[in-house]
N, C-alpha and C. Protein backbone atom coordinates (compact mmCIF):
# COMPACT_ATOMS: atom_id res chain seq x y z
N MET A 1 -8.21 117.46 -44.77
CA MET A 1 -9.40 116.96 -45.39
C MET A 1 -10.50 118.03 -45.32
N THR A 2 -11.04 118.33 -46.45
CA THR A 2 -12.07 119.39 -46.49
C THR A 2 -13.47 118.84 -46.79
N GLY A 3 -13.56 117.63 -47.22
CA GLY A 3 -14.86 117.08 -47.61
C GLY A 3 -15.69 116.58 -46.42
N ARG A 4 -16.74 115.90 -46.77
CA ARG A 4 -17.68 115.36 -45.78
C ARG A 4 -17.32 113.92 -45.41
N ILE A 5 -17.82 113.49 -44.26
CA ILE A 5 -17.75 112.09 -43.86
C ILE A 5 -19.18 111.58 -43.84
N LEU A 6 -19.43 110.56 -44.67
CA LEU A 6 -20.80 110.08 -44.85
C LEU A 6 -20.90 108.57 -44.65
N LEU A 7 -22.05 108.13 -44.22
CA LEU A 7 -22.37 106.71 -44.16
C LEU A 7 -23.44 106.45 -45.22
N GLU A 8 -23.22 105.49 -46.11
CA GLU A 8 -24.18 105.13 -47.15
C GLU A 8 -24.88 103.86 -46.75
N LEU A 9 -26.22 103.92 -46.70
CA LEU A 9 -27.06 102.77 -46.42
C LEU A 9 -28.12 102.67 -47.50
N PRO A 10 -28.38 101.48 -48.01
CA PRO A 10 -29.50 101.34 -48.93
C PRO A 10 -30.81 101.72 -48.20
N GLU A 11 -31.74 102.31 -48.93
CA GLU A 11 -32.99 102.78 -48.37
C GLU A 11 -33.69 101.70 -47.54
N GLU A 12 -33.79 100.49 -48.09
CA GLU A 12 -34.50 99.40 -47.40
C GLU A 12 -33.78 98.98 -46.11
N ILE A 13 -32.49 99.00 -46.14
CA ILE A 13 -31.70 98.65 -44.94
C ILE A 13 -31.91 99.73 -43.87
N HIS A 14 -31.89 100.98 -44.29
CA HIS A 14 -32.14 102.08 -43.35
C HIS A 14 -33.51 101.92 -42.68
N ARG A 15 -34.52 101.58 -43.48
CA ARG A 15 -35.87 101.36 -42.92
C ARG A 15 -35.87 100.17 -41.95
N ASP A 16 -35.20 99.11 -42.32
CA ASP A 16 -35.14 97.92 -41.43
C ASP A 16 -34.45 98.25 -40.10
N ILE A 17 -33.37 99.00 -40.17
CA ILE A 17 -32.63 99.38 -38.95
C ILE A 17 -33.53 100.25 -38.07
N GLN A 18 -34.19 101.23 -38.67
CA GLN A 18 -35.10 102.11 -37.91
C GLN A 18 -36.21 101.31 -37.23
N ALA A 19 -36.80 100.35 -37.98
CA ALA A 19 -37.88 99.53 -37.41
C ALA A 19 -37.36 98.68 -36.25
N HIS A 20 -36.14 98.15 -36.40
CA HIS A 20 -35.57 97.38 -35.31
C HIS A 20 -35.29 98.23 -34.09
N LEU A 21 -34.76 99.44 -34.28
CA LEU A 21 -34.35 100.27 -33.16
C LEU A 21 -35.54 100.91 -32.44
N LEU A 22 -36.62 101.12 -33.15
CA LEU A 22 -37.79 101.79 -32.53
C LEU A 22 -39.04 100.94 -32.72
N PRO A 23 -39.08 99.76 -32.12
CA PRO A 23 -40.27 98.90 -32.24
C PRO A 23 -41.46 99.54 -31.49
N ASN A 24 -42.64 99.22 -31.92
CA ASN A 24 -43.84 99.84 -31.35
C ASN A 24 -44.09 99.43 -29.89
N LYS A 25 -43.87 98.20 -29.54
CA LYS A 25 -44.30 97.72 -28.22
C LYS A 25 -43.19 97.65 -27.19
N ASP A 26 -41.93 97.68 -27.57
CA ASP A 26 -40.84 97.53 -26.63
C ASP A 26 -40.20 98.91 -26.48
N LEU A 27 -40.26 99.46 -25.28
CA LEU A 27 -39.75 100.81 -25.03
C LEU A 27 -38.31 100.82 -24.49
N ARG A 28 -37.66 99.67 -24.50
CA ARG A 28 -36.26 99.62 -24.09
C ARG A 28 -35.39 100.09 -25.24
N GLU A 29 -34.16 100.53 -24.88
CA GLU A 29 -33.19 100.85 -25.94
C GLU A 29 -32.91 99.57 -26.73
N GLN A 30 -32.68 99.75 -28.01
CA GLN A 30 -32.33 98.63 -28.92
C GLN A 30 -31.01 98.92 -29.57
N GLY A 31 -30.36 97.95 -30.13
CA GLY A 31 -29.08 98.17 -30.79
C GLY A 31 -28.90 97.31 -32.03
N ALA A 32 -27.93 97.72 -32.84
CA ALA A 32 -27.55 97.01 -34.04
C ALA A 32 -26.14 97.47 -34.45
N PHE A 33 -25.49 96.67 -35.23
CA PHE A 33 -24.20 97.07 -35.81
C PHE A 33 -24.26 96.92 -37.32
N VAL A 34 -23.69 97.93 -37.99
CA VAL A 34 -23.52 97.89 -39.44
C VAL A 34 -22.03 97.69 -39.68
N PHE A 35 -21.72 96.92 -40.67
CA PHE A 35 -20.34 96.72 -41.11
C PHE A 35 -20.18 97.51 -42.41
N ALA A 36 -19.24 98.41 -42.47
CA ALA A 36 -19.10 99.32 -43.60
C ALA A 36 -17.66 99.42 -44.05
N ASN A 37 -17.49 99.57 -45.35
CA ASN A 37 -16.16 99.69 -45.91
C ASN A 37 -15.91 101.10 -46.41
N ARG A 38 -14.73 101.60 -46.10
CA ARG A 38 -14.37 102.97 -46.46
C ARG A 38 -14.07 103.08 -47.96
N ALA A 39 -14.63 104.10 -48.57
CA ALA A 39 -14.39 104.39 -49.99
C ALA A 39 -14.29 105.90 -50.11
N ASP A 40 -13.10 106.42 -50.37
CA ASP A 40 -12.95 107.85 -50.54
C ASP A 40 -13.42 108.25 -51.94
N SER A 41 -14.06 109.41 -52.03
CA SER A 41 -14.56 109.91 -53.29
C SER A 41 -14.31 111.42 -53.32
N ASP A 42 -13.46 111.85 -54.24
CA ASP A 42 -13.05 113.25 -54.31
C ASP A 42 -12.55 113.64 -52.92
N ASP A 43 -13.15 114.65 -52.31
CA ASP A 43 -12.73 115.05 -50.96
C ASP A 43 -13.52 114.35 -49.86
N ASP A 44 -14.55 113.61 -50.24
CA ASP A 44 -15.42 112.95 -49.23
C ASP A 44 -14.85 111.59 -48.80
N ILE A 45 -15.15 111.27 -47.54
CA ILE A 45 -14.90 109.92 -47.04
C ILE A 45 -16.25 109.27 -46.86
N ILE A 46 -16.43 108.16 -47.52
CA ILE A 46 -17.74 107.47 -47.49
C ILE A 46 -17.56 106.05 -46.95
N PHE A 47 -18.44 105.72 -45.99
CA PHE A 47 -18.48 104.37 -45.44
C PHE A 47 -19.68 103.70 -46.07
N LYS A 48 -19.39 102.66 -46.91
CA LYS A 48 -20.46 101.99 -47.67
C LYS A 48 -20.88 100.72 -46.94
N PHE A 49 -22.17 100.54 -46.88
CA PHE A 49 -22.79 99.38 -46.24
C PHE A 49 -22.27 98.06 -46.81
N ALA A 50 -21.90 97.13 -45.93
CA ALA A 50 -21.53 95.78 -46.34
C ALA A 50 -22.51 94.74 -45.78
N ASP A 51 -22.90 94.93 -44.49
CA ASP A 51 -23.83 93.99 -43.85
C ASP A 51 -24.28 94.65 -42.54
N TRP A 52 -25.24 94.03 -41.89
CA TRP A 52 -25.67 94.51 -40.59
C TRP A 52 -26.12 93.36 -39.72
N ARG A 53 -26.14 93.63 -38.41
CA ARG A 53 -26.58 92.62 -37.44
C ARG A 53 -27.43 93.30 -36.40
N PRO A 54 -28.74 93.00 -36.39
CA PRO A 54 -29.58 93.50 -35.32
C PRO A 54 -29.21 92.78 -34.04
N LEU A 55 -29.26 93.45 -32.93
CA LEU A 55 -28.99 92.82 -31.63
C LEU A 55 -30.30 92.41 -30.98
N SER A 56 -30.27 91.28 -30.30
CA SER A 56 -31.44 90.80 -29.55
C SER A 56 -31.16 90.91 -28.05
N SER A 57 -32.19 90.67 -27.27
CA SER A 57 -32.07 90.77 -25.81
C SER A 57 -30.94 89.87 -25.29
N SER A 58 -30.70 88.76 -25.91
CA SER A 58 -29.65 87.85 -25.45
C SER A 58 -28.24 88.40 -25.69
N ASP A 59 -28.09 89.46 -26.46
CA ASP A 59 -26.79 90.08 -26.72
C ASP A 59 -26.40 91.08 -25.64
N PHE A 60 -27.30 91.36 -24.71
CA PHE A 60 -27.07 92.40 -23.68
C PHE A 60 -26.98 91.79 -22.29
N ILE A 61 -26.12 92.37 -21.46
CA ILE A 61 -26.17 92.04 -20.05
C ILE A 61 -27.11 92.98 -19.34
N CYS A 62 -27.42 94.12 -19.95
CA CYS A 62 -28.39 95.04 -19.41
C CYS A 62 -29.10 95.76 -20.57
N GLN A 63 -30.44 95.77 -20.52
CA GLN A 63 -31.21 96.45 -21.55
C GLN A 63 -32.41 97.11 -20.88
N ASP A 64 -32.31 98.43 -20.68
CA ASP A 64 -33.38 99.19 -20.05
C ASP A 64 -33.89 100.25 -21.01
N ASP A 65 -34.79 101.10 -20.51
CA ASP A 65 -35.29 102.17 -21.36
C ASP A 65 -34.33 103.34 -21.50
N ASP A 66 -33.25 103.30 -20.72
CA ASP A 66 -32.25 104.39 -20.79
C ASP A 66 -30.80 103.90 -20.73
N TYR A 67 -30.58 102.61 -20.98
CA TYR A 67 -29.22 102.10 -20.88
C TYR A 67 -29.12 100.74 -21.55
N LEU A 68 -28.03 100.50 -22.25
CA LEU A 68 -27.69 99.21 -22.87
C LEU A 68 -26.26 98.86 -22.50
N GLU A 69 -26.01 97.58 -22.30
CA GLU A 69 -24.63 97.10 -22.17
C GLU A 69 -24.52 95.74 -22.85
N LEU A 70 -23.63 95.67 -23.84
CA LEU A 70 -23.39 94.44 -24.58
C LEU A 70 -22.71 93.39 -23.73
N SER A 71 -22.99 92.14 -23.99
CA SER A 71 -22.26 91.06 -23.34
C SER A 71 -20.90 90.93 -23.99
N ASP A 72 -19.96 90.35 -23.26
CA ASP A 72 -18.63 90.10 -23.80
C ASP A 72 -18.68 89.22 -25.06
N CYS A 73 -19.56 88.24 -25.01
CA CYS A 73 -19.71 87.33 -26.16
C CYS A 73 -20.20 88.09 -27.40
N ALA A 74 -21.18 88.93 -27.25
CA ALA A 74 -21.69 89.72 -28.39
C ALA A 74 -20.60 90.64 -28.94
N ARG A 75 -19.90 91.29 -28.01
CA ARG A 75 -18.79 92.17 -28.46
C ARG A 75 -17.79 91.40 -29.29
N ALA A 76 -17.36 90.25 -28.80
CA ALA A 76 -16.35 89.46 -29.51
C ALA A 76 -16.86 89.00 -30.87
N THR A 77 -18.10 88.60 -30.94
CA THR A 77 -18.70 88.14 -32.18
C THR A 77 -18.74 89.26 -33.21
N ILE A 78 -19.15 90.43 -32.77
CA ILE A 78 -19.26 91.58 -33.68
C ILE A 78 -17.90 92.02 -34.19
N ILE A 79 -16.94 92.13 -33.29
CA ILE A 79 -15.60 92.54 -33.67
C ILE A 79 -14.97 91.52 -34.63
N LYS A 80 -15.16 90.22 -34.36
CA LYS A 80 -14.66 89.19 -35.24
C LYS A 80 -15.23 89.30 -36.63
N LYS A 81 -16.55 89.54 -36.71
CA LYS A 81 -17.17 89.67 -38.05
C LYS A 81 -16.61 90.86 -38.79
N ALA A 82 -16.42 91.99 -38.12
CA ALA A 82 -15.85 93.18 -38.76
C ALA A 82 -14.41 92.86 -39.24
N HIS A 83 -13.67 92.15 -38.39
CA HIS A 83 -12.29 91.74 -38.78
C HIS A 83 -12.33 90.85 -40.03
N ASP A 84 -13.20 89.87 -40.02
CA ASP A 84 -13.29 88.94 -41.17
C ASP A 84 -13.70 89.66 -42.45
N LEU A 85 -14.57 90.69 -42.33
CA LEU A 85 -15.01 91.44 -43.49
C LEU A 85 -14.03 92.57 -43.88
N GLY A 86 -13.07 92.87 -43.00
CA GLY A 86 -12.17 93.98 -43.23
C GLY A 86 -12.90 95.32 -43.14
N SER A 87 -13.94 95.37 -42.32
CA SER A 87 -14.84 96.51 -42.28
C SER A 87 -14.68 97.34 -41.01
N SER A 88 -15.15 98.56 -41.09
CA SER A 88 -15.33 99.38 -39.88
C SER A 88 -16.65 98.99 -39.26
N LEU A 89 -16.76 99.28 -37.96
CA LEU A 89 -18.00 99.05 -37.23
C LEU A 89 -18.76 100.35 -37.10
N VAL A 90 -20.10 100.24 -37.26
CA VAL A 90 -20.99 101.36 -37.05
C VAL A 90 -22.02 100.90 -36.02
N GLU A 91 -21.92 101.46 -34.85
CA GLU A 91 -22.87 101.15 -33.76
C GLU A 91 -24.11 102.00 -33.94
N PHE A 92 -25.27 101.34 -33.84
CA PHE A 92 -26.54 102.02 -33.81
C PHE A 92 -27.23 101.64 -32.50
N HIS A 93 -27.80 102.63 -31.81
CA HIS A 93 -28.69 102.32 -30.69
C HIS A 93 -29.73 103.42 -30.59
N SER A 94 -30.80 103.07 -29.88
CA SER A 94 -31.90 104.02 -29.80
C SER A 94 -32.01 104.65 -28.45
N HIS A 95 -32.58 105.85 -28.46
CA HIS A 95 -33.04 106.56 -27.26
C HIS A 95 -34.53 106.79 -27.52
N PRO A 96 -35.38 105.79 -27.13
CA PRO A 96 -36.77 105.83 -27.58
C PRO A 96 -37.57 107.04 -27.10
N PHE A 97 -37.13 107.69 -26.06
CA PHE A 97 -37.89 108.85 -25.52
C PHE A 97 -37.29 110.19 -25.94
N SER A 98 -36.24 110.17 -26.72
CA SER A 98 -35.55 111.39 -27.09
C SER A 98 -36.34 112.21 -28.12
N LYS A 99 -36.48 113.49 -27.83
CA LYS A 99 -37.12 114.42 -28.79
C LYS A 99 -36.10 114.91 -29.83
N SER A 100 -34.88 115.17 -29.36
CA SER A 100 -33.79 115.59 -30.27
C SER A 100 -32.53 114.78 -29.89
N ALA A 101 -32.18 113.85 -30.76
CA ALA A 101 -31.19 112.84 -30.44
C ALA A 101 -29.82 113.42 -30.07
N MET A 102 -29.20 112.81 -29.05
CA MET A 102 -27.86 113.12 -28.57
C MET A 102 -27.37 111.95 -27.77
N PHE A 103 -26.07 111.69 -27.84
CA PHE A 103 -25.50 110.64 -27.00
C PHE A 103 -25.54 111.07 -25.55
N SER A 104 -25.82 110.11 -24.68
CA SER A 104 -25.88 110.39 -23.23
C SER A 104 -24.49 110.42 -22.63
N PHE A 105 -24.42 110.87 -21.39
CA PHE A 105 -23.16 110.87 -20.66
C PHE A 105 -22.62 109.44 -20.55
N SER A 106 -23.49 108.46 -20.26
CA SER A 106 -23.03 107.09 -20.15
C SER A 106 -22.58 106.53 -21.49
N ASP A 107 -23.22 106.97 -22.59
CA ASP A 107 -22.77 106.57 -23.92
C ASP A 107 -21.32 107.05 -24.12
N CYS A 108 -21.10 108.30 -23.81
CA CYS A 108 -19.74 108.92 -24.01
C CYS A 108 -18.71 108.21 -23.14
N ARG A 109 -19.06 107.88 -21.93
CA ARG A 109 -18.13 107.12 -21.05
C ARG A 109 -17.83 105.74 -21.67
N GLY A 110 -18.83 105.12 -22.20
CA GLY A 110 -18.62 103.81 -22.83
C GLY A 110 -17.68 103.91 -24.05
N PHE A 111 -17.83 104.99 -24.83
CA PHE A 111 -16.92 105.18 -25.98
C PHE A 111 -15.47 105.29 -25.55
N GLU A 112 -15.21 105.92 -24.41
CA GLU A 112 -13.85 106.09 -23.95
C GLU A 112 -13.12 104.77 -23.77
N GLU A 113 -13.84 103.73 -23.42
CA GLU A 113 -13.28 102.40 -23.26
C GLU A 113 -13.36 101.57 -24.54
N PHE A 114 -14.55 101.54 -25.14
CA PHE A 114 -14.83 100.65 -26.23
C PHE A 114 -14.14 101.04 -27.54
N VAL A 115 -14.16 102.32 -27.88
CA VAL A 115 -13.61 102.73 -29.17
C VAL A 115 -12.09 102.41 -29.28
N PRO A 116 -11.24 102.73 -28.29
CA PRO A 116 -9.85 102.36 -28.41
C PRO A 116 -9.63 100.84 -28.50
N HIS A 117 -10.49 100.09 -27.82
CA HIS A 117 -10.37 98.61 -27.89
C HIS A 117 -10.68 98.12 -29.31
N VAL A 118 -11.77 98.60 -29.89
CA VAL A 118 -12.13 98.22 -31.27
C VAL A 118 -11.08 98.70 -32.25
N TRP A 119 -10.61 99.90 -32.04
CA TRP A 119 -9.56 100.50 -32.89
C TRP A 119 -8.35 99.58 -32.95
N TRP A 120 -7.94 99.11 -31.76
CA TRP A 120 -6.79 98.23 -31.67
C TRP A 120 -7.09 96.88 -32.33
N ARG A 121 -8.22 96.30 -32.02
CA ARG A 121 -8.59 95.00 -32.57
C ARG A 121 -8.75 95.02 -34.09
N LEU A 122 -9.23 96.14 -34.65
CA LEU A 122 -9.45 96.25 -36.09
C LEU A 122 -8.33 97.00 -36.80
N LYS A 123 -7.21 97.14 -36.12
CA LYS A 123 -6.01 97.71 -36.74
C LYS A 123 -6.22 99.13 -37.31
N GLY A 124 -6.86 99.95 -36.50
CA GLY A 124 -6.97 101.38 -36.87
C GLY A 124 -8.16 101.71 -37.78
N LYS A 125 -9.07 100.79 -37.96
CA LYS A 125 -10.27 101.12 -38.76
C LYS A 125 -11.14 102.08 -37.98
N ALA A 126 -11.81 102.95 -38.71
CA ALA A 126 -12.71 103.95 -38.10
C ALA A 126 -13.82 103.25 -37.33
N TYR A 127 -14.33 103.94 -36.34
CA TYR A 127 -15.51 103.49 -35.58
C TYR A 127 -16.55 104.61 -35.69
N LEU A 128 -17.78 104.25 -36.02
CA LEU A 128 -18.90 105.21 -36.16
C LEU A 128 -19.96 104.82 -35.16
N ALA A 129 -20.65 105.83 -34.65
CA ALA A 129 -21.78 105.58 -33.74
C ALA A 129 -22.94 106.50 -34.12
N VAL A 130 -24.13 105.90 -34.07
CA VAL A 130 -25.36 106.61 -34.40
C VAL A 130 -26.37 106.34 -33.30
N VAL A 131 -26.96 107.42 -32.76
CA VAL A 131 -28.02 107.28 -31.80
C VAL A 131 -29.32 107.79 -32.45
N VAL A 132 -30.39 107.01 -32.33
CA VAL A 132 -31.65 107.31 -33.04
C VAL A 132 -32.71 107.61 -32.02
N GLY A 133 -33.39 108.74 -32.20
CA GLY A 133 -34.57 109.08 -31.43
C GLY A 133 -35.80 108.94 -32.31
N GLN A 134 -36.93 109.33 -31.80
CA GLN A 134 -38.19 109.20 -32.54
C GLN A 134 -38.22 110.01 -33.84
N LYS A 135 -37.58 111.21 -33.84
CA LYS A 135 -37.69 112.05 -35.03
C LYS A 135 -36.33 112.57 -35.50
N SER A 136 -35.24 112.11 -34.89
CA SER A 136 -33.92 112.60 -35.29
C SER A 136 -32.86 111.60 -34.90
N PHE A 137 -31.65 111.88 -35.34
CA PHE A 137 -30.50 111.03 -34.95
C PHE A 137 -29.30 111.95 -34.77
N ASP A 138 -28.28 111.41 -34.10
CA ASP A 138 -27.01 112.09 -34.00
C ASP A 138 -25.92 111.07 -34.25
N SER A 139 -24.71 111.54 -34.59
CA SER A 139 -23.69 110.60 -34.99
C SER A 139 -22.31 111.17 -34.74
N LEU A 140 -21.38 110.27 -34.51
CA LEU A 140 -19.97 110.61 -34.33
C LEU A 140 -19.14 109.59 -35.12
N VAL A 141 -17.90 109.99 -35.45
CA VAL A 141 -16.96 109.06 -36.08
C VAL A 141 -15.58 109.32 -35.49
N TRP A 142 -14.92 108.22 -35.20
CA TRP A 142 -13.51 108.25 -34.76
C TRP A 142 -12.72 107.81 -35.99
N LEU A 143 -12.24 108.76 -36.73
CA LEU A 143 -11.64 108.50 -38.04
C LEU A 143 -10.16 108.30 -37.95
N ASP A 144 -9.44 109.18 -37.28
CA ASP A 144 -7.99 109.10 -37.24
C ASP A 144 -7.43 109.13 -35.83
N ASN A 145 -8.30 109.06 -34.84
CA ASN A 145 -7.86 109.09 -33.44
C ASN A 145 -8.95 108.43 -32.60
N PRO A 146 -8.63 107.31 -31.88
CA PRO A 146 -9.64 106.61 -31.13
C PRO A 146 -10.09 107.34 -29.84
N ARG A 147 -9.50 108.47 -29.58
CA ARG A 147 -9.87 109.21 -28.38
C ARG A 147 -10.53 110.55 -28.70
N LYS A 148 -10.60 110.89 -29.96
CA LYS A 148 -11.16 112.19 -30.33
C LYS A 148 -12.18 112.02 -31.49
N PRO A 149 -13.48 112.08 -31.18
CA PRO A 149 -14.45 111.90 -32.23
C PRO A 149 -14.57 113.14 -33.10
N ARG A 150 -15.10 112.91 -34.29
CA ARG A 150 -15.40 113.98 -35.23
C ARG A 150 -16.86 113.86 -35.62
N LYS A 151 -17.35 114.83 -36.33
CA LYS A 151 -18.71 114.87 -36.79
C LYS A 151 -18.88 113.97 -38.00
N LEU A 152 -19.91 113.13 -37.96
CA LEU A 152 -20.36 112.41 -39.16
C LEU A 152 -21.35 113.37 -39.83
N ASP A 153 -21.09 113.66 -41.09
CA ASP A 153 -21.90 114.70 -41.74
C ASP A 153 -23.29 114.26 -42.17
N GLY A 154 -23.49 112.94 -42.31
CA GLY A 154 -24.80 112.51 -42.67
C GLY A 154 -24.86 111.07 -43.06
N ILE A 155 -26.10 110.59 -43.22
CA ILE A 155 -26.36 109.24 -43.72
C ILE A 155 -27.08 109.40 -45.06
N SER A 156 -26.49 108.82 -46.09
CA SER A 156 -27.09 108.84 -47.43
C SER A 156 -27.83 107.53 -47.64
N THR A 157 -29.10 107.65 -48.02
CA THR A 157 -29.92 106.47 -48.31
C THR A 157 -30.16 106.30 -49.80
N GLY A 158 -29.41 107.02 -50.59
CA GLY A 158 -29.63 106.97 -52.05
C GLY A 158 -30.59 108.07 -52.45
N LYS A 159 -31.73 108.11 -51.81
CA LYS A 159 -32.75 109.12 -52.13
C LYS A 159 -32.57 110.39 -51.29
N HIS A 160 -32.05 110.24 -50.09
CA HIS A 160 -31.98 111.35 -49.15
C HIS A 160 -30.61 111.40 -48.47
N LEU A 161 -30.20 112.60 -48.12
CA LEU A 161 -29.06 112.77 -47.25
C LEU A 161 -29.61 113.26 -45.91
N LEU A 162 -29.56 112.39 -44.93
CA LEU A 162 -30.15 112.68 -43.59
C LEU A 162 -29.07 113.35 -42.73
N GLN A 163 -29.46 114.41 -42.08
CA GLN A 163 -28.55 115.23 -41.28
C GLN A 163 -28.67 114.92 -39.79
N PRO A 164 -27.54 114.71 -39.09
CA PRO A 164 -27.58 114.52 -37.64
C PRO A 164 -27.89 115.83 -36.94
N THR A 165 -28.32 115.74 -35.67
CA THR A 165 -28.59 116.93 -34.92
C THR A 165 -27.33 117.75 -34.62
N GLY A 166 -26.20 117.05 -34.47
CA GLY A 166 -24.92 117.72 -34.17
C GLY A 166 -24.77 118.10 -32.71
N HIS A 167 -25.75 117.74 -31.86
CA HIS A 167 -25.66 118.11 -30.44
C HIS A 167 -24.47 117.47 -29.74
N SER A 168 -24.17 116.22 -30.05
CA SER A 168 -23.12 115.48 -29.32
C SER A 168 -21.75 116.07 -29.58
N ILE A 169 -21.42 116.41 -30.83
CA ILE A 169 -20.08 116.92 -31.16
C ILE A 169 -19.91 118.28 -30.50
N LYS A 170 -20.98 119.08 -30.45
CA LYS A 170 -20.86 120.39 -29.79
C LYS A 170 -20.59 120.23 -28.32
N TYR A 171 -21.28 119.26 -27.72
CA TYR A 171 -21.07 118.96 -26.28
C TYR A 171 -19.64 118.45 -26.04
N LEU A 172 -19.18 117.55 -26.89
CA LEU A 172 -17.87 116.95 -26.69
C LEU A 172 -16.70 117.88 -27.00
N GLU A 173 -16.92 118.87 -27.86
CA GLU A 173 -15.86 119.81 -28.15
C GLU A 173 -15.36 120.50 -26.91
N GLY A 174 -16.22 120.63 -25.91
CA GLY A 174 -15.82 121.23 -24.66
C GLY A 174 -14.77 120.35 -23.92
N PHE A 175 -14.80 119.05 -24.18
CA PHE A 175 -13.84 118.15 -23.55
C PHE A 175 -12.61 117.93 -24.42
N TYR A 176 -12.81 117.81 -25.76
CA TYR A 176 -11.71 117.45 -26.65
C TYR A 176 -11.17 118.62 -27.43
N GLY A 177 -11.80 119.77 -27.40
CA GLY A 177 -11.40 120.89 -28.22
C GLY A 177 -12.07 120.80 -29.57
N SER A 178 -11.95 121.81 -30.38
CA SER A 178 -12.58 121.85 -31.69
C SER A 178 -11.95 120.82 -32.62
N ASN A 179 -12.76 120.31 -33.53
CA ASN A 179 -12.27 119.33 -34.55
C ASN A 179 -11.77 120.04 -35.76
């Protein structure tokens, strides 16, 4: 595959997700899931928005300014909805104090457990993750292997193609080798 891997979000949905993830008064990490359907176009792989679910405090067993952990009930509900829609899951969460977005060590540890589980439950559908900071974002995609992430090349909002920082994939290449 020589093309790009992209996530397509309508402009207004992208704005709503950003507002949810970075609220003015709550400095804790926030989360949401997008349900997206794969649509290949020429050499590109595109994940097109189908629906989204903002997460609330009741969906977490832990929600701090530097850590989130979903409850088992929230996990099951989200995976079931993706299964019912036949969609891939796109995790979004915020790092409200980040100057240049990158997944944390604890995020990466969580992916080691969660991504293979979702991969199995959704019968090999890709899993995407996006971390949002105040002025940037970073992203990963597990496209053809639940243990080896690849670079998500960008988020298309129709008007703009937003570029991730790429910090996380560079960091992870040291563990997984080049993609």
